[in-house]
Every structure is written in structure tokens, then in C-alpha cells.
Protein backbone atom coordinates (compact mmCIF):
# COMPACT_ATOMS: atom_id res chain seq x y z
CA UNK A 1 28.57 4.08 -11.09
CA UNK A 2 30.58 2.31 -8.43
CA UNK A 3 29.70 -0.96 -6.85
CA UNK A 4 29.66 0.37 -3.28
CA UNK A 5 27.08 3.29 -4.40
CA UNK A 6 24.44 0.37 -6.29
CA UNK A 7 24.78 -1.16 -3.09
CA UNK A 8 23.56 1.55 -1.23
CA UNK A 9 21.15 2.99 -3.31
CA UNK A 10 19.52 -0.71 -3.77
CA UNK A 11 19.89 -0.93 0.20
CA UNK A 12 18.10 2.48 0.48
CA UNK A 13 15.50 1.99 -1.78
CA UNK A 14 14.53 -1.68 -0.30
CA UNK A 15 14.23 0.07 2.91
CA UNK A 16 11.50 2.23 1.78
CA UNK A 17 9.05 -0.39 -0.67
CA UNK A 18 10.51 -3.45 0.84
CA UNK A 19 10.72 -5.32 -1.70
CA UNK A 20 11.36 -4.63 -5.63
CA UNK A 21 11.67 -6.76 -9.02
CA UNK A 22 15.23 -7.37 -10.69
CA UNK A 23 13.85 -4.85 -13.46
CA UNK A 24 13.35 -2.18 -11.15
CA UNK A 25 16.42 -2.23 -9.12
CA UNK A 26 17.76 -1.99 -12.53
CA UNK A 27 16.29 0.95 -13.54
CA UNK A 28 16.73 2.36 -9.53
CA UNK A 29 20.76 1.91 -10.36
CA UNK A 30 20.99 1.91 -14.17
CA UNK A 31 22.89 -0.78 -14.78
CA UNK A 32 21.84 -3.99 -16.43
CA UNK A 33 20.12 -6.80 -15.28
CA UNK A 34 23.71 -8.93 -14.87
CA UNK A 35 24.68 -6.41 -12.98
CA UNK A 36 22.39 -6.10 -10.73
CA UNK A 37 22.10 -9.69 -10.05
CA UNK A 38 25.05 -9.60 -8.81
CA UNK A 39 24.92 -7.22 -6.66
CA UNK A 40 22.34 -8.87 -5.05
CA UNK A 41 24.41 -11.96 -4.67
CA UNK A 42 26.68 -9.80 -2.93
CA UNK A 43 24.35 -7.93 -0.50
CA UNK A 44 22.35 -11.42 -0.03
CA UNK A 45 26.13 -12.81 0.86
CA UNK A 46 26.21 -10.14 3.53
CA UNK A 47 23.01 -11.10 4.85
CA UNK A 48 21.62 -7.49 4.08
CA UNK A 49 18.91 -8.37 2.23
CA UNK A 50 17.24 -11.77 0.80
CA UNK A 51 16.94 -13.04 -3.20
CA UNK A 52 13.51 -13.82 -4.00
CA UNK A 53 11.98 -14.98 -7.15
CA UNK A 54 12.85 -12.40 -9.89
CA UNK A 55 13.70 -9.79 -7.37
CA UNK A 56 14.82 -9.01 -3.78
CA UNK A 57 13.34 -7.54 -0.41
CA UNK A 58 15.09 -6.55 3.05
CA UNK A 59 16.00 -8.89 5.50
CA UNK A 60 16.84 -6.57 8.86
CA UNK A 61 15.60 -3.06 9.13
CA UNK A 62 16.98 0.01 11.38
CA UNK A 63 14.86 1.22 13.76
CA UNK A 64 13.01 3.78 11.56
CA UNK A 65 12.76 1.21 9.16
CA UNK A 66 9.39 0.08 7.84
CA UNK A 67 7.46 1.30 11.68
CA UNK A 68 4.87 3.22 9.70
CA UNK A 69 5.54 7.02 10.76
CA UNK A 70 8.68 6.53 8.48
CA UNK A 71 6.46 5.29 5.90
CA UNK A 72 4.32 8.42 6.04
CA UNK A 73 7.51 9.94 4.86
CA UNK A 74 7.79 8.55 1.66
CA UNK A 75 6.40 10.63 -1.48
CA UNK A 76 4.35 12.38 0.98
CA UNK A 77 3.05 15.45 -1.34
CA UNK A 78 1.63 13.06 -3.51
CA UNK A 79 0.09 10.90 -0.92
CA UNK A 80 -1.37 14.02 0.56
CA UNK A 81 -2.91 14.68 -3.21
CA UNK A 82 -4.04 11.65 -3.41
CA UNK A 83 -5.66 11.35 0.07
CA UNK A 84 -7.52 14.96 -0.49
CA UNK A 85 -8.96 13.94 -4.41
CA UNK A 86 -10.37 10.42 -2.58
CA UNK A 87 -11.52 12.12 0.82
CA UNK A 88 -13.64 14.84 -1.19
CA UNK A 89 -15.82 11.32 -2.66
CA UNK A 90 -16.77 10.27 0.78
CA UNK A 91 -20.37 11.42 1.64
CA UNK A 92 -21.67 12.09 5.16
CA UNK A 93 -22.48 9.02 7.33
CA UNK A 94 -21.48 6.24 4.96
CA UNK A 95 -19.92 3.24 6.11
CA UNK A 96 -16.13 2.48 5.73
CA UNK A 97 -13.40 0.02 5.39
CA UNK A 98 -10.47 1.25 5.85
CA UNK A 99 -7.09 -0.32 4.79
CA UNK A 100 -3.84 0.08 7.36
CA UNK A 101 -1.58 2.17 4.58
CA UNK A 102 0.20 5.51 5.28
CA UNK A 103 -1.68 6.82 2.39
CA UNK A 104 -4.59 5.60 3.95
CA UNK A 105 -4.14 7.17 7.22
CA UNK A 106 -3.90 10.64 5.37
CA UNK A 107 -7.28 9.94 3.99
CA UNK A 108 -8.62 9.00 7.56
CA UNK A 109 -7.50 12.36 8.55
CA UNK A 110 -9.57 14.46 6.22
CA UNK A 111 -12.53 12.54 6.82
CA UNK A 112 -13.37 14.01 10.54
CA UNK A 113 -16.40 16.33 8.56
CA UNK A 114 -17.83 13.44 6.96
CA UNK A 115 -18.53 11.48 10.27
CA UNK A 116 -18.44 8.16 8.78
CA UNK A 117 -18.78 4.87 10.88
CA UNK A 118 -15.25 3.32 10.24
CA UNK A 119 -13.89 -0.18 10.59
CA UNK A 120 -10.30 -0.26 10.21
CA UNK A 121 -7.38 -2.87 11.62
CA UNK A 122 -4.92 0.37 11.34
CA UNK A 123 -3.61 1.29 15.10
CA UNK A 124 -2.99 4.43 13.89
CA UNK A 125 -6.56 5.55 12.46
CA UNK A 126 -8.20 4.12 15.76
CA UNK A 127 -5.82 6.12 17.63
CA UNK A 128 -6.39 9.31 15.92
CA UNK A 129 -10.39 9.02 16.37
CA UNK A 130 -10.26 7.08 19.78
CA UNK A 131 -11.77 10.54 21.79
CA UNK A 132 -13.63 12.06 19.06
CA UNK A 133 -17.76 11.87 19.98
CA UNK A 134 -18.78 11.79 16.54
CA UNK A 135 -17.15 9.49 14.55
CA UNK A 136 -17.79 5.54 15.45
CA UNK A 137 -14.47 3.13 14.61
CA UNK A 138 -14.71 -0.24 14.76
CA UNK A 139 -11.27 -1.90 15.31
CA UNK A 140 -11.01 -5.60 14.21
CA UNK A 141 -9.84 -8.28 16.79
CA UNK A 142 -5.98 -10.04 15.49
CA UNK A 143 -2.35 -9.73 16.68
CA UNK A 144 -0.59 -6.53 16.93
CA UNK A 145 2.05 -6.32 13.74
CA UNK A 146 4.17 -3.34 15.17
CA UNK A 147 6.12 -2.15 12.08
CA UNK A 148 3.13 -1.39 10.29
CA UNK A 149 0.50 -0.33 13.47
CA UNK A 150 -2.00 -2.71 12.11
CA UNK A 151 -3.86 -6.04 13.13
CA UNK A 152 -3.51 -9.13 10.92
CA UNK A 153 -4.59 -12.29 11.22
CA UNK A 154 -7.67 -14.77 11.07
CA UNK A 155 -9.53 -12.62 13.95
CA UNK A 156 -8.75 -9.62 11.57
CA UNK A 157 -10.47 -11.51 8.44
CA UNK A 158 -13.41 -12.66 10.38
CA UNK A 159 -14.42 -9.37 11.30
CA UNK A 160 -14.79 -8.02 7.88
CA UNK A 161 -16.26 -11.03 6.86
CA UNK A 162 -18.89 -10.00 9.48
CA UNK A 163 -19.65 -6.32 8.51
CA UNK A 164 -20.26 -4.37 4.97
CA UNK A 165 -19.64 -1.61 3.89
CA UNK A 166 -20.29 1.34 1.88
CA UNK A 167 -17.00 1.31 0.43
CA UNK A 168 -13.55 0.00 0.79
CA UNK A 169 -10.65 2.04 0.87
CA UNK A 170 -7.22 0.27 0.16
CA UNK A 171 -3.48 0.48 -0.49
CA UNK A 172 -0.95 -1.71 -1.91
CA UNK A 173 2.24 -1.82 -2.73
CA UNK A 174 2.00 -2.06 -6.94
CA UNK A 175 -0.05 -2.11 -9.39
CA UNK A 176 0.52 -3.94 -13.08
CA UNK A 177 -1.26 -4.73 -16.29
CA UNK A 178 -2.41 -7.75 -14.39
CA UNK A 179 -4.26 -6.21 -11.47
CA UNK A 180 -2.60 -4.95 -7.50
CA UNK A 181 -0.26 -6.42 -6.12
CA UNK A 182 0.87 -6.07 -2.10
CA UNK A 183 4.52 -7.03 -0.49
CA UNK A 184 3.29 -7.88 2.70
CA UNK A 185 1.68 -11.00 2.76
CA UNK A 186 -0.04 -10.65 6.04
CA UNK A 187 -2.43 -8.26 4.71
CA UNK A 188 -3.34 -10.08 1.80
CA UNK A 189 -6.21 -11.92 2.71
CA UNK A 190 -7.60 -9.30 5.29
CA UNK A 191 -7.57 -6.94 2.13
CA UNK A 192 -9.48 -9.52 -0.10
CA UNK A 193 -12.21 -10.10 2.84
CA UNK A 194 -12.38 -6.31 2.97
CA UNK A 195 -12.78 -6.51 -1.09
CA UNK A 196 -15.63 -9.03 -0.91
CA UNK A 197 -17.92 -7.45 1.46
CA UNK A 198 -17.72 -3.63 0.00
CA UNK A 199 -20.19 -2.07 -2.58
CA UNK A 200 -17.48 -0.20 -3.41
CA UNK A 201 -13.88 -0.64 -3.84
CA UNK A 202 -11.31 2.14 -4.19
CA UNK A 203 -7.44 1.58 -4.26
CA UNK A 204 -5.05 4.69 -3.55
CA UNK A 205 -1.63 4.58 -4.81
CA UNK A 206 0.39 7.28 -5.32
CA UNK A 207 2.04 7.47 -8.89
CA UNK A 208 5.20 5.52 -7.38
CA UNK A 209 3.58 2.40 -7.03
CA UNK A 210 2.14 2.66 -10.50
CA UNK A 211 3.94 -0.02 -12.73
CA UNK A 212 5.61 -1.54 -9.99
CA UNK A 213 5.82 -4.96 -9.54
CA UNK A 214 5.08 -5.62 -5.64
CA UNK A 215 5.93 -9.17 -4.15
CA UNK A 216 2.06 -11.22 -4.56
CA UNK A 217 -0.99 -10.54 -5.87
CA UNK A 218 -3.75 -9.32 -4.23
CA UNK A 219 -6.59 -8.86 -6.45
CA UNK A 220 -7.12 -8.03 -10.52
CA UNK A 221 -8.65 -4.92 -12.14
CA UNK A 222 -12.41 -6.76 -12.22
CA UNK A 223 -12.22 -6.32 -8.37
CA UNK A 224 -11.41 -2.61 -8.33
CA UNK A 225 -14.28 -0.10 -9.08
CA UNK A 226 -11.92 3.31 -8.28
CA UNK A 227 -8.04 3.90 -8.57
CA UNK A 228 -6.99 7.14 -7.29
CA UNK A 229 -3.49 8.10 -8.00
CA UNK A 230 -1.62 11.26 -8.64
CA UNK A 231 -0.78 13.26 -12.31
CA UNK A 232 2.44 11.84 -12.07
CA UNK A 233 1.64 8.09 -12.87
CA UNK A 234 2.13 6.53 -15.96
CA UNK A 235 -0.04 7.58 -18.83
CA UNK A 236 0.35 4.40 -20.25
CA UNK A 237 -0.41 2.39 -17.96
CA UNK A 238 -3.26 3.93 -16.84
CA UNK A 239 -5.09 4.05 -19.92
CA UNK A 240 -4.61 0.24 -19.94
CA UNK A 241 -6.17 0.46 -16.48
CA UNK A 242 -9.04 2.31 -17.56
CA UNK A 243 -10.08 -0.25 -20.30
CA UNK A 244 -10.30 -2.67 -17.53
CA UNK A 245 -13.22 -0.58 -16.54
CA UNK A 246 -11.53 0.92 -13.67
CA UNK A 247 -12.81 4.43 -12.97
CA UNK A 248 -9.35 6.77 -12.86
CA UNK A 249 -9.25 9.59 -10.55
CA UNK A 250 -5.88 11.88 -11.27
CA UNK A 251 -5.41 13.91 -8.19
């Protein structure tokens, strides 16, 4: 594969996931680690990406990159199945914490007949039920992060510390043998506050996230009660996660 094509594939992949490890990119473009290192150096020199420890992340994004609506389109069929399976777990009138990821938005869309009480930092979920008469939505405070349509900051963290939920439903940037990871540092403390204040913690991750390393650690498997993913997920890693005491639901 020519360098120009590798560069194009690397940039397109980073547009989807924001951060990727060296090993992940090597597999994606079917090239050696040393070749990918050289590619990343050339892309970084152009200012298109930023090298990080063990990988790379996108620096500048086009108008449609990383805004919430574009992320909904990535692996939409898998997300739909995962969301449907997760929604079926929810009983009527439960108190829920809902994360701000695109998969969790799909879960929220399927909860109308459950009439839950929601606490969310997702502006998209808040708008979805803003005019609904039977669903109570509490929106955390915080600063608007436009690219993800999410509220972040200390006010958002404190909001989750002030409430209790039957279930927290969260997404992430990746899942490894060690636990859940995320590429958005602004969301980490908010997600941890959700986990700490919920009786049950469910992560919804499609198969592309299973085995993928993201930017930083969110939590270990001891903090997770259930993982909902789809049947295409790595069987080896799913078996390992199950041995950690996590309940697995394959959609």
C-alpha cells in the first residue's frame, strides 16, 4: 500500500475514533509498526495529527467531524442492536443516569414506553424528551461542549454526586483486559461520578470498541455490572471480561 493511501486511511480512521494506538493503526492499514510510526511523523509534520504516547489523535477536524450527528452514523447497525438489547433491560419508572455517547442516545430513544426518570448531561437526549409529558429529564449543569452536544465541568460532576440512580448506562472509547477506556478527558470524571452514584452500571459498546485501546483509563471491570455488545465482538476478550464477574449481553 502506498504511503498516500495509508495516510488517507489513518486520517479517516482518526476522524471516527479521535484517538488510536500504534498497534491499532498498524492493523488498520496492514503495515508494520515502524512504517506507521513514519507515517504518523509525516502527518504530524503537516499538522494534521498529534503524536501521543503509544499512538496518535486528530488535531483539526472538518466541519462534520466529531459532532454528535456524524458519530451516530459510525457502525449504526451494531449500535442499534446494542441499544435495543440494553433498553429491554430497563423496567418502568426506574431512575437512570444516561451518558452522552451516540449509542446511549439510541438507548434513550427506545425508552419512551418505560417512562423513566433520567439524569443526563446529553443535550441531544434532553432535546429528545423536552416536550414529553410523562418522562422527567433532569439535565446536569456544566459548560456546553459543542462537538459532542454534552455538558462538562465541575457542575456536571456535582450533579451526579447529588443524585442516586437505579442504573447508569454509559459508553466508552474502548475496552481492554484492564477495563473501560475513553478518549475524551472532559468526560472521565463525569462518568466516574455516575458510576459511584448508581446501584447498577451498564456499559454499551459495539464490537469495534471491544479490544480497542483509547486515550485513558475510565474504570476497571470491578466497577462494571454488565457489558452490552454485539455478537461480532472478540470472543477471547469477552470470555476474559466474563471471568472478571461482568455479566455479558450479546445483541
